[in-house]
Amino acid sequence: MKQAICFYCDLLGMELAQSIGHGGYHDYFFKTGPNYVAFFSCDGAKPMTKKFHDSPSKEPLAFDHLSISVASKADLFALKDRLEAEGIEVAGAVDHSFVWSIYFFDNNIPFEASWDYFDIVKAPAIVDDDPLLDAAKGALPHPSIWPDVTNPMPPERMTAHASNGYPTRAVFLRDGLAVLKSGFEEATDIQSDAAD
């Protein structure tokens, strides 16, 4: 969890909004826009096996769940109603002391939808019988713990390799389904070598 605080708060710039802990169990919430990324730790937990994005694996997964926010209590229960009307099992609502949450699955991906019923005005709000010192340093990022960037990527090297979805861009543009954002220079932003 100490590594998660350093990575998500100090390096990625998310706010450590809240932590709950008791009996060797810790639950940390990092705020990203209107949503939270939540991490859990417990005594005896071990790091997951590293797996590249979107690659098949037969290893145990360490992903716990994705939490999304809704604007109101009515929105939370309207979402619950829509899910259940589709035949999706929904657990909750559960009161977590700062949000009400419902729980459901999409193809075995666990989701939580939450309605924040109060605003945390002094973060991090921590109620933990064994708080981590890294959490007590405050909610805002402390980027000074990470090394300074001494060799930034020069603009002429800011390129991307074409993926198997690359040809769809031409169709999106041709059919008026999308427009390029200002500053996108096709000649320099896509490398000409073979697609991955």
Protein backbone atom coordinates (compact mmCIF):
# COMPACT_ATOMS: atom_id res chain seq x y z
CA MET A 1 0.00 0.00 0.00
CA LYS A 2 2.93 2.34 0.64
CA GLN A 3 3.95 1.87 -3.01
CA ALA A 4 0.37 2.55 -4.13
CA ILE A 5 0.26 5.84 -2.19
CA CYS A 6 3.56 6.96 -3.66
CA PHE A 7 2.57 5.93 -7.19
CA TYR A 8 -1.05 7.12 -7.39
CA CYS A 9 -0.73 10.24 -5.27
CA ASP A 10 2.84 11.45 -5.66
CA LEU A 11 3.60 10.31 -9.20
CA LEU A 12 0.22 10.27 -10.97
CA GLY A 13 -1.08 13.30 -9.07
CA MET A 14 -4.30 11.83 -7.65
CA GLU A 15 -5.56 13.03 -4.29
CA LEU A 16 -5.54 10.52 -1.45
CA ALA A 17 -9.09 11.24 -0.31
CA GLN A 18 -9.81 8.65 2.34
CA SER A 19 -8.52 5.58 4.12
CA ILE A 20 -10.24 3.03 6.30
CA GLY A 21 -8.39 0.32 8.18
CA HIS A 22 -8.82 -2.18 10.96
CA GLY A 23 -7.43 -5.53 12.00
CA GLY A 24 -4.73 -5.64 9.30
CA TYR A 25 -7.12 -4.59 6.51
CA HIS A 26 -6.70 -1.24 4.73
CA ASP A 27 -8.84 0.47 2.10
CA TYR A 28 -7.41 3.57 0.34
CA PHE A 29 -9.37 5.81 -2.04
CA PHE A 30 -7.58 8.02 -4.59
CA LYS A 31 -9.67 10.72 -6.27
CA THR A 32 -9.38 11.08 -10.03
CA GLY A 33 -11.79 13.69 -11.31
CA PRO A 34 -15.25 12.78 -10.00
CA ASN A 35 -14.24 9.13 -9.52
CA TYR A 36 -12.15 7.08 -7.12
CA VAL A 37 -9.58 4.38 -7.66
CA ALA A 38 -9.73 2.13 -4.60
CA PHE A 39 -7.07 -0.23 -3.32
CA PHE A 40 -7.28 -2.82 -0.60
CA SER A 41 -4.54 -4.53 1.32
CA CYS A 42 -4.58 -7.13 4.01
CA ASP A 43 -1.99 -8.96 6.05
CA GLY A 44 -0.38 -11.77 4.07
CA ALA A 45 -1.20 -10.34 0.63
CA LYS A 46 1.47 -10.90 -2.01
CA PRO A 47 2.29 -8.91 -5.17
CA MET A 48 0.62 -10.11 -8.35
CA THR A 49 2.54 -11.59 -11.25
CA LYS A 50 3.31 -8.89 -13.81
CA LYS A 51 1.14 -9.19 -16.92
CA PHE A 52 1.15 -6.87 -19.92
CA HIS A 53 -2.11 -5.09 -20.76
CA ASP A 54 -4.61 -7.19 -22.69
CA SER A 55 -2.42 -10.28 -22.77
CA PRO A 56 -3.89 -13.67 -21.83
CA SER A 57 -2.89 -15.10 -18.48
CA LYS A 58 -3.65 -18.13 -16.36
CA GLU A 59 -2.14 -16.42 -13.30
CA PRO A 60 -4.33 -15.21 -10.42
CA LEU A 61 -5.44 -11.62 -10.97
CA ALA A 62 -4.90 -8.83 -8.44
CA PHE A 63 -7.46 -6.41 -9.90
CA ASP A 64 -10.16 -5.90 -7.31
CA HIS A 65 -12.83 -3.66 -8.83
CA LEU A 66 -13.52 -0.48 -10.76
CA SER A 67 -15.49 2.19 -8.92
CA ILE A 68 -17.51 4.80 -10.80
CA SER A 69 -19.45 7.74 -9.39
CA VAL A 70 -23.02 8.84 -10.02
CA ALA A 71 -24.41 12.31 -9.32
CA SER A 72 -27.29 11.51 -6.98
CA LYS A 73 -29.10 8.90 -4.91
CA ALA A 74 -31.77 8.77 -7.61
CA ASP A 75 -29.09 8.08 -10.24
CA LEU A 76 -27.65 5.27 -8.12
CA PHE A 77 -30.99 3.51 -7.79
CA ALA A 78 -31.91 4.21 -11.43
CA LEU A 79 -28.69 2.42 -12.43
CA LYS A 80 -29.55 -0.45 -10.09
CA ASP A 81 -33.00 -0.68 -11.67
CA ARG A 82 -31.56 -0.72 -15.22
CA LEU A 83 -29.02 -3.42 -14.35
CA GLU A 84 -31.63 -5.60 -12.67
CA ALA A 85 -34.07 -5.10 -15.57
CA GLU A 86 -31.33 -6.55 -17.79
CA GLY A 87 -31.06 -9.56 -15.45
CA ILE A 88 -27.75 -8.46 -13.91
CA GLU A 89 -27.45 -9.28 -10.22
CA VAL A 90 -26.79 -6.19 -8.10
CA ALA A 91 -25.68 -6.20 -4.45
CA GLY A 92 -26.43 -3.22 -2.23
CA ALA A 93 -26.82 -0.38 -1.65
CA VAL A 94 -24.16 -0.37 1.06
CA ASP A 95 -23.34 2.67 3.22
CA HIS A 96 -19.54 3.08 3.45
CA SER A 97 -19.66 6.20 5.65
CA PHE A 98 -19.04 8.62 2.77
CA VAL A 99 -20.69 6.92 -0.22
CA TRP A 100 -23.56 4.55 -0.91
CA SER A 101 -22.44 1.81 -3.29
CA ILE A 102 -23.93 -0.93 -5.42
CA TYR A 103 -21.94 -3.86 -6.79
CA PHE A 104 -22.30 -5.80 -10.04
CA PHE A 105 -20.28 -7.62 -12.70
CA ASP A 106 -19.65 -7.21 -16.43
CA ASN A 107 -18.14 -10.42 -17.86
CA ASN A 108 -16.57 -11.17 -14.47
CA ILE A 109 -15.18 -7.64 -14.18
CA PRO A 110 -16.29 -6.39 -10.75
CA PHE A 111 -17.83 -2.89 -10.69
CA GLU A 112 -18.95 -0.55 -7.94
CA ALA A 113 -21.15 2.49 -8.57
CA SER A 114 -21.18 5.06 -5.78
CA TRP A 115 -23.08 8.17 -4.78
CA ASP A 116 -20.96 10.54 -2.65
CA TYR A 117 -23.37 11.80 -0.02
CA PHE A 118 -20.93 14.21 1.57
CA ASP A 119 -17.79 16.03 0.52
CA ILE A 120 -14.54 15.40 2.29
CA VAL A 121 -13.30 18.88 3.23
CA LYS A 122 -10.05 17.87 4.88
CA ALA A 123 -8.30 15.07 3.01
CA PRO A 124 -7.03 12.57 3.69
CA ALA A 125 -9.82 11.63 6.06
CA ILE A 126 -8.33 8.60 7.79
CA VAL A 127 -9.85 6.30 10.38
CA ASP A 128 -7.31 3.50 10.72
CA ASP A 129 -6.03 1.61 13.75
CA ASP A 130 -2.57 1.35 12.11
CA PRO A 131 -2.21 4.22 9.58
CA LEU A 132 0.68 4.27 7.18
CA LEU A 133 3.09 7.18 7.61
CA ASP A 134 2.95 7.84 3.86
CA ALA A 135 -0.80 8.48 4.14
CA ALA A 136 -0.32 10.85 7.07
CA LYS A 137 1.92 13.16 5.01
CA GLY A 138 -1.19 14.63 3.39
CA ALA A 139 -3.60 14.24 0.50
CA LEU A 140 -1.77 16.18 -2.18
CA PRO A 141 1.07 14.85 -4.32
CA HIS A 142 4.65 15.06 -3.12
CA PRO A 143 6.41 14.72 -6.48
CA SER A 144 9.79 15.58 -4.93
CA ILE A 145 10.16 11.97 -3.78
CA TRP A 146 10.53 10.96 -7.45
CA PRO A 147 13.62 11.77 -9.50
CA ASP A 148 13.56 14.88 -11.70
CA VAL A 149 13.18 14.26 -15.41
CA THR A 150 16.60 15.07 -16.84
CA ASN A 151 16.12 13.65 -20.33
CA PRO A 152 12.63 14.59 -21.55
CA MET A 153 11.32 13.16 -24.82
CA PRO A 154 12.10 15.63 -27.63
CA PRO A 155 9.05 16.60 -29.74
CA GLU A 156 10.43 14.97 -32.88
CA ARG A 157 10.49 11.58 -31.09
CA MET A 158 6.92 11.86 -29.78
CA THR A 159 5.51 9.24 -32.13
CA ALA A 160 3.26 6.20 -31.98
CA HIS A 161 3.27 2.88 -33.82
CA ALA A 162 0.17 2.04 -35.81
CA SER A 163 -1.98 -0.71 -34.25
CA ASN A 164 -4.41 -3.07 -35.91
CA GLY A 165 -7.13 -0.44 -35.35
CA TYR A 166 -5.18 2.32 -37.10
CA PRO A 167 -7.04 2.05 -40.46
CA THR A 168 -10.33 2.94 -38.76
CA ARG A 169 -9.17 6.54 -38.33
CA ALA A 170 -9.43 7.19 -42.07
CA VAL A 171 -12.98 5.78 -42.06
CA PHE A 172 -13.98 7.89 -39.03
CA LEU A 173 -12.64 11.03 -40.70
CA ARG A 174 -14.10 10.21 -44.12
CA ASP A 175 -17.56 9.47 -42.71
CA GLY A 176 -17.63 12.54 -40.45
CA LEU A 177 -17.65 10.44 -37.27
CA ALA A 178 -14.61 12.21 -35.81
CA VAL A 179 -12.34 15.20 -36.29
CA LEU A 180 -8.65 15.54 -35.49
CA LYS A 181 -7.77 17.67 -32.48
CA SER A 182 -5.73 20.79 -32.89
CA GLY A 183 -2.02 20.06 -32.76
CA PHE A 184 -2.18 16.58 -34.26
CA GLU A 185 0.36 16.34 -37.06
CA GLU A 186 -0.19 13.06 -38.86
CA ALA A 187 3.14 13.16 -40.69
CA THR A 188 5.13 13.13 -37.46
CA ASP A 189 2.77 11.42 -35.01
CA ILE A 190 2.56 7.98 -36.66
CA GLN A 191 5.69 6.00 -37.43
CA SER A 192 5.84 4.41 -40.83
CA ASP A 193 7.11 1.00 -39.75
CA ALA A 194 4.92 -2.10 -39.64
CA ALA A 195 1.86 -2.15 -37.43
CA ASP A 196 2.00 -4.09 -34.17
